[in-house]
Each structure stands twice: as C-alpha cells, then as structure tokens.
Protein backbone atom coordinates (compact mmCIF):
# COMPACT_ATOMS: atom_id res chain seq x y z
CA MET A 1 -24.57 10.60 -11.98
CA ARG A 2 -22.97 11.71 -8.56
CA TYR A 3 -20.03 14.08 -8.20
CA ALA A 4 -17.04 13.91 -5.67
CA CYS A 5 -13.95 15.81 -4.90
CA GLY A 6 -10.97 13.63 -4.62
CA ILE A 7 -8.15 15.55 -2.73
CA ASN A 8 -4.51 14.60 -2.69
CA GLY A 9 -3.89 15.79 0.71
CA ALA A 10 -4.04 19.33 2.60
CA GLU A 11 -1.37 21.48 4.36
CA THR A 12 -3.17 20.95 7.83
CA PHE A 13 -5.45 18.66 9.31
CA ASN A 14 -8.32 21.40 9.63
CA ALA A 15 -7.75 22.29 6.28
CA ALA A 16 -8.60 19.08 5.10
CA VAL A 17 -11.91 19.01 6.98
CA ASP A 18 -12.85 22.57 5.82
CA LEU A 19 -12.61 21.35 2.32
CA ALA A 20 -14.88 18.70 2.81
CA CYS A 21 -17.23 21.15 4.69
CA GLN A 22 -17.01 23.96 1.63
CA ALA A 23 -17.52 20.76 -0.82
CA GLU A 24 -21.06 19.73 1.19
CA GLU A 25 -22.07 23.45 1.19
CA ALA A 26 -21.05 23.71 -2.36
CA GLY A 27 -23.50 20.59 -3.44
CA TRP A 28 -20.98 17.86 -4.02
CA ASP A 29 -22.25 14.49 -3.27
CA GLY A 30 -18.86 13.04 -2.09
CA PHE A 31 -15.27 13.96 -0.81
CA PHE A 32 -12.32 11.34 -0.95
CA LEU A 33 -9.05 11.23 1.12
CA PRO A 34 -5.86 9.47 0.06
CA ASP A 35 -4.82 6.64 2.58
CA GLY A 36 -0.82 6.90 2.29
CA ILE A 37 2.05 6.86 4.65
CA SER A 38 4.81 8.92 3.25
CA ILE A 39 5.16 11.11 0.14
CA GLY A 40 8.61 12.52 0.85
CA THR A 41 8.03 16.01 2.61
CA TYR A 42 4.28 16.35 1.60
CA PRO A 43 1.92 16.46 4.55
CA LEU A 44 -0.27 13.47 4.75
CA PHE A 45 -2.62 12.60 7.63
CA ASP A 46 -4.39 9.62 8.61
CA PRO A 47 -7.72 9.31 6.76
CA TRP A 48 -9.72 7.64 9.48
CA VAL A 49 -8.79 10.43 11.98
CA VAL A 50 -9.88 13.01 9.52
CA MET A 51 -12.82 11.41 8.40
CA GLY A 52 -13.99 11.09 11.99
CA ALA A 53 -13.94 15.14 12.19
CA ILE A 54 -15.66 15.14 8.74
CA ALA A 55 -18.43 13.20 10.17
CA ALA A 56 -19.12 15.48 13.03
CA ARG A 57 -18.98 18.75 11.13
CA THR A 58 -20.84 17.40 7.98
CA LYS A 59 -24.55 15.92 7.49
CA ARG A 60 -25.13 14.98 4.02
CA ILE A 61 -22.00 14.47 1.97
CA ARG A 62 -20.85 10.70 1.61
CA PHE A 63 -17.01 10.40 1.99
CA GLY A 64 -14.10 7.64 2.23
CA THR A 65 -10.75 6.73 0.97
CA MET A 66 -9.41 6.42 -2.14
CA ILE A 67 -7.51 4.34 -2.01
CA THR A 68 -7.25 2.00 0.82
CA PRO A 69 -4.31 -0.83 0.32
CA VAL A 70 -5.74 -3.68 2.16
CA SER A 71 -2.72 -5.53 1.43
CA ARG A 72 -1.06 -3.77 4.20
CA ARG A 73 -3.78 -3.54 6.69
CA ARG A 74 -4.78 -5.89 9.34
CA PRO A 75 -8.54 -6.73 8.13
CA TRP A 76 -9.92 -6.76 11.83
CA LYS A 77 -8.71 -3.43 12.65
CA LEU A 78 -9.68 -1.83 9.33
CA ALA A 79 -13.01 -3.42 9.82
CA ARG A 80 -13.48 -2.01 13.50
CA GLU A 81 -12.11 1.68 12.08
CA CYS A 82 -14.79 1.34 9.25
CA VAL A 83 -17.90 0.47 11.47
CA THR A 84 -16.88 3.54 13.91
CA VAL A 85 -16.73 5.83 11.20
CA ASP A 86 -19.92 4.68 9.58
CA GLN A 87 -21.72 4.77 13.16
CA LEU A 88 -20.47 8.47 13.51
CA SER A 89 -21.45 9.64 10.01
CA ALA A 90 -25.07 7.85 10.35
CA GLY A 91 -23.88 5.58 7.18
CA ARG A 92 -22.08 7.96 4.82
CA LEU A 93 -18.80 5.87 4.54
CA ILE A 94 -17.66 4.64 1.12
CA LEU A 95 -14.55 2.22 1.33
CA ALA A 96 -12.54 2.32 -1.92
CA VAL A 97 -9.71 -0.15 -2.14
CA GLY A 98 -7.02 -1.76 -3.99
CA MET A 99 -3.49 -3.57 -3.80
CA GLY A 100 -1.62 -0.27 -3.43
CA ALA A 101 0.10 2.33 -5.87
CA ALA A 102 2.44 1.18 -8.25
CA ALA A 103 4.70 4.35 -7.12
CA ASP A 104 5.45 3.15 -3.40
CA ASP A 105 4.14 5.63 -0.89
CA GLY A 106 6.75 4.26 1.89
CA GLY A 107 4.02 1.96 3.14
CA PHE A 108 5.61 -0.88 1.36
CA THR A 109 9.15 -1.16 0.83
CA LYS A 110 10.49 1.02 3.24
CA VAL A 111 8.61 -0.75 6.13
CA GLY A 112 9.11 -4.41 4.85
CA GLU A 113 5.60 -5.07 3.60
CA ALA A 114 4.98 -7.13 0.51
CA THR A 115 5.70 -5.88 -2.79
CA ASP A 116 4.89 -9.07 -4.70
CA LEU A 117 1.60 -8.37 -6.47
CA LYS A 118 0.27 -11.87 -6.39
CA VAL A 119 0.93 -11.69 -2.51
CA ARG A 120 -0.65 -8.43 -2.37
CA ALA A 121 -3.76 -9.58 -4.74
CA LYS A 122 -4.26 -12.71 -2.52
CA ARG A 123 -4.32 -10.10 0.65
CA VAL A 124 -6.69 -8.12 -0.70
CA ASP A 125 -9.01 -11.08 -1.35
CA GLU A 126 -8.59 -12.54 1.99
CA GLY A 127 -9.15 -8.95 3.49
CA LEU A 128 -12.29 -8.00 1.87
CA GLU A 129 -13.78 -11.57 2.83
CA ILE A 130 -13.04 -10.69 6.37
CA LEU A 131 -14.44 -7.40 6.51
CA ASN A 132 -17.54 -8.53 5.03
CA GLY A 133 -17.78 -11.75 7.59
CA LEU A 134 -16.95 -9.49 10.49
CA TRP A 135 -19.63 -6.68 9.56
CA LYS A 136 -22.62 -9.30 9.83
CA GLY A 137 -22.17 -8.77 13.62
CA LYS A 138 -22.19 -12.99 14.11
CA PRO A 139 -19.44 -15.12 15.02
CA TYR A 140 -17.21 -15.35 12.26
CA SER A 141 -14.19 -17.68 11.27
CA PHE A 142 -11.63 -17.67 8.35
CA SER A 143 -8.67 -19.33 7.54
CA GLY A 144 -6.41 -18.32 4.66
CA GLU A 145 -2.90 -18.14 3.25
CA HIS A 146 -2.21 -14.73 5.05
CA TYR A 147 -4.98 -14.28 7.67
CA ARG A 148 -6.61 -16.27 10.14
CA VAL A 149 -10.05 -15.39 12.48
CA ASP A 150 -11.44 -17.56 15.18
CA ASN A 151 -14.88 -17.32 16.19
CA MET A 152 -14.71 -13.48 16.31
CA VAL A 153 -17.70 -11.07 16.92
CA MET A 154 -17.92 -7.61 15.97
CA VAL A 155 -20.48 -5.43 17.15
CA PRO A 156 -22.16 -2.77 16.29
CA ARG A 157 -22.46 -3.66 13.01
CA PRO A 158 -22.28 -0.83 10.46
CA VAL A 159 -25.31 1.48 9.80
CA GLN A 160 -25.55 0.65 6.14
CA LYS A 161 -26.90 -2.53 4.91
CA PRO A 162 -26.20 -5.01 3.83
CA ARG A 163 -22.86 -3.47 4.13
CA ILE A 164 -20.51 -0.55 3.96
CA PRO A 165 -20.22 0.03 0.17
CA ILE A 166 -16.74 -1.35 -1.11
CA TRP A 167 -15.35 -0.06 -4.42
CA VAL A 168 -12.40 -1.85 -5.95
CA VAL A 169 -9.75 -0.85 -8.68
CA GLY A 170 -10.14 -3.05 -11.55
CA VAL A 171 -7.63 -3.14 -14.50
CA TRP A 172 -9.22 -2.98 -17.73
CA ASP A 173 -9.35 -5.32 -19.29
CA LYS A 174 -7.59 -7.83 -17.03
CA PRO A 175 -10.07 -10.58 -16.24
CA LYS A 176 -8.67 -11.46 -12.89
CA SER A 177 -8.44 -8.12 -11.80
CA MET A 178 -12.02 -7.21 -13.12
CA HIS A 179 -13.85 -9.96 -11.55
CA ARG A 180 -12.43 -8.93 -8.09
CA ALA A 181 -14.31 -5.76 -8.41
CA LEU A 182 -17.45 -7.38 -9.42
CA ASP A 183 -17.71 -9.50 -6.53
CA TRP A 184 -18.36 -6.13 -4.56
CA ASP A 185 -20.19 -2.80 -4.99
CA GLY A 186 -18.20 -0.76 -7.42
CA ILE A 187 -15.26 -0.35 -9.62
CA ILE A 188 -12.70 2.27 -10.12
CA PRO A 189 -11.28 1.31 -13.71
CA GLN A 190 -7.86 1.63 -14.38
CA LYS A 191 -5.47 0.95 -17.36
CA PHE A 192 -2.65 -1.34 -16.58
CA ARG A 193 0.44 0.70 -15.90
CA ASP A 194 -1.13 3.88 -17.26
CA TRP A 195 -2.40 6.49 -15.30
CA HIS A 196 -4.45 8.12 -17.73
CA PRO A 197 -7.92 8.42 -17.03
CA LEU A 198 -10.16 6.17 -18.96
CA SER A 199 -12.02 7.68 -21.84
CA ALA A 200 -15.97 7.57 -22.28
CA ASP A 201 -15.55 4.82 -24.87
CA ASP A 202 -13.29 2.76 -22.28
CA ILE A 203 -16.12 3.37 -19.89
CA ARG A 204 -18.72 1.90 -22.14
CA LYS A 205 -16.64 -1.21 -22.17
CA VAL A 206 -16.35 -1.56 -18.66
CA ARG A 207 -20.17 -0.93 -18.47
CA ASP A 208 -20.70 -3.72 -20.91
CA TYR A 209 -18.45 -6.14 -19.24
CA VAL A 210 -20.44 -5.42 -15.80
CA ALA A 211 -23.41 -6.07 -17.43
CA LYS A 212 -22.45 -9.54 -19.11
CA HIS A 213 -20.61 -10.59 -15.62
CA ARG A 214 -22.58 -9.46 -12.88
CA GLN A 215 -26.09 -10.40 -13.73
CA GLY A 216 -28.46 -10.31 -10.83
CA LYS A 217 -26.17 -9.14 -8.07
CA GLY A 218 -27.74 -5.79 -7.43
CA PRO A 219 -26.77 -2.15 -7.80
CA PHE A 220 -23.08 -1.66 -8.88
CA GLU A 221 -21.18 1.76 -9.17
CA ILE A 222 -18.84 2.76 -11.91
CA ILE A 223 -16.49 5.40 -11.14
CA CYS A 224 -14.50 7.63 -13.66
CA GLY A 225 -13.45 11.27 -13.27
CA GLY A 226 -11.17 14.23 -14.58
CA SER A 227 -11.01 17.78 -14.28
CA THR A 228 -14.03 20.11 -15.51
CA GLY A 229 -11.89 23.26 -14.67
CA GLY A 230 -14.41 25.73 -13.86
CA LYS A 231 -17.86 26.63 -13.00
CA LYS A 232 -21.05 25.05 -14.19
CA SER A 233 -21.04 25.60 -18.00
CA LYS A 234 -21.41 24.35 -21.42
CA ARG A 235 -17.43 23.17 -21.61
CA ALA A 236 -17.91 20.90 -17.98
CA SER A 237 -21.31 19.48 -19.34
CA GLU A 238 -19.50 18.73 -22.48
CA ILE A 239 -16.85 16.67 -20.61
CA VAL A 240 -19.04 14.91 -18.43
CA ARG A 241 -22.06 13.94 -20.36
CA PRO A 242 -20.25 11.60 -22.63
CA PHE A 243 -19.47 9.38 -19.43
CA ILE A 244 -23.00 9.72 -18.07
CA ASP A 245 -24.20 8.41 -21.31
CA ALA A 246 -21.32 5.79 -21.43
CA GLY A 247 -22.78 4.39 -17.80
CA ALA A 248 -20.80 5.98 -15.33
CA THR A 249 -22.44 6.52 -12.07
CA TRP A 250 -19.85 8.65 -9.93
CA TRP A 251 -17.52 11.53 -11.17
CA VAL A 252 -14.49 12.30 -9.22
CA GLU A 253 -12.63 15.79 -9.76
CA PRO A 254 -9.13 15.17 -8.97
CA ASP A 255 -7.71 17.57 -6.15
CA PRO A 256 -9.48 20.47 -6.93
CA SER A 257 -8.79 23.89 -5.59
CA LEU A 258 -11.02 25.59 -2.95
CA GLU A 259 -12.12 27.98 -5.59
CA ARG A 260 -12.98 24.70 -7.75
CA ILE A 261 -14.88 23.23 -4.67
CA ARG A 262 -16.98 26.45 -4.00
CA GLN A 263 -17.98 26.24 -7.85
CA GLY A 264 -19.82 22.89 -7.11
CA PRO A 265 -20.42 19.84 -9.16
CA PRO A 266 -19.89 20.34 -13.06
CA ILE A 267 -23.51 19.52 -13.90
C-alpha cells in the first residue's frame, strides 16, 4: 500500500506547495490537488501551475490531480500540460480523471459546458484515447463525435513509459463505468450518487471484478481512502489494514491538516 494526502485547497499558492513539501518530508508517497474552477469564495489555484512549483521543490513524492474533469478540457492542451509537468518532475505525475463533480464547481453550468452525463462520458472516452495517442510522440489522427485530431505529433514524450498513469473514477457496480476505468491504469471506485467512502468489503468486490475483467493487462491500482486521524498507532493500523487485505494499493487521506501531514502515513 502507498499513502497520499488529498487536499481540497489552500489559502495561498505557496501554502499548497508547502503542504506538498511537508508531505514528502514526512514520508508520504503521494500528494493530490483538486482541479476545480469556482467554489463560491473558497480559494482555488490552477493545479498545473501549482504542480510545476511542487515538481521544482520536491525530489521523490508523486503528485497529481484528483480529479481532472476531462469532459471540459481540450485533450491536446491537457496532453501538453501533462507532458510538461511529467518532464519537470522526472516522471512523478499521476493523472486522475472523471466526468466532473456531481455538485457543479462552476466549470459546467456557469460557463455553458455540457452537463448531460452521456455527453460527458463520451468526451472522457475520446479525450483519454487522444491523450494516449499523442503521448506516443508519433503522427496521430483521431475522428470522434466530439474531437478531431489531424496528423499531430507531440514531443517530447512523457518521461514515464508506456504513459503517464491514468486513474479513472469508476462507479461501483455500474459495468460501463467500471470498464472505462479498467482500460487504463487504476480505478478510484465510488458509489452511485453516494459520497461515502467504500468499505473494505466493497474494495474486495472491486478487486475481484478487476481480476475477472482485466486479465493480462499489466499492473493496476485500486485507490481508496479515509481519515486515520492521527499518528501511526494501533487505531490507524486497524483502519487501514482491512483495505490492504482487500487489495487496495493506494490510501488517500482526505484534506489532512498540516499537523496530520507532519505525522506521516498511517502505517
């Protein structure tokens, strides 16, 4: 199991970068930022700019977005941003993606983006295919319902091979949503219209589903999380251990305080 901090935001740009530095120093394996547009008066910063600063100030910790709504991004622009950050960090970027928050963050309804879930889903599928194609560094063309690419070459390639890891939100147990995630490198399982974390028993079912439907496709991450609420302790171990036994590979601590980050991973 690897352990990450997933912050909801920070009061200042430098504060967000400092949290990542503190996480690396405390021994965390990953650090994730939101990719939102507007949540009332809550301060948000462009995660790609923040990650550039994190890449420059850290050496080991992996980092990424959680999550990037591919359905409202131009895939070729996102592809270039990802390559730039992956190059800057010597191959430490993780891209976690989905259709977009059920609670609109201003990046859909307030700016005229598509809200229909079927349209969003199709844009995610096409967008991910384009990302993967452009990251190969060879002439690439694509013609879909929403996007078109004509013989484009994108260099340099990402540092990571065969590509920057893509984790996809998958709704348990909706087959179409689950299979979208299985085509890539990891799944962030969620329940349908239910923001409560999945239980260890749920994760075990996800693991079994992955094993059945993704045979022979290489390594695959199963991401879960929750609050362990303190120092490395018997209680923290008791919270996390069932998820390890169930087959989870990453644990994301949601919006931890600076004090909690400094205490380090739960195990």
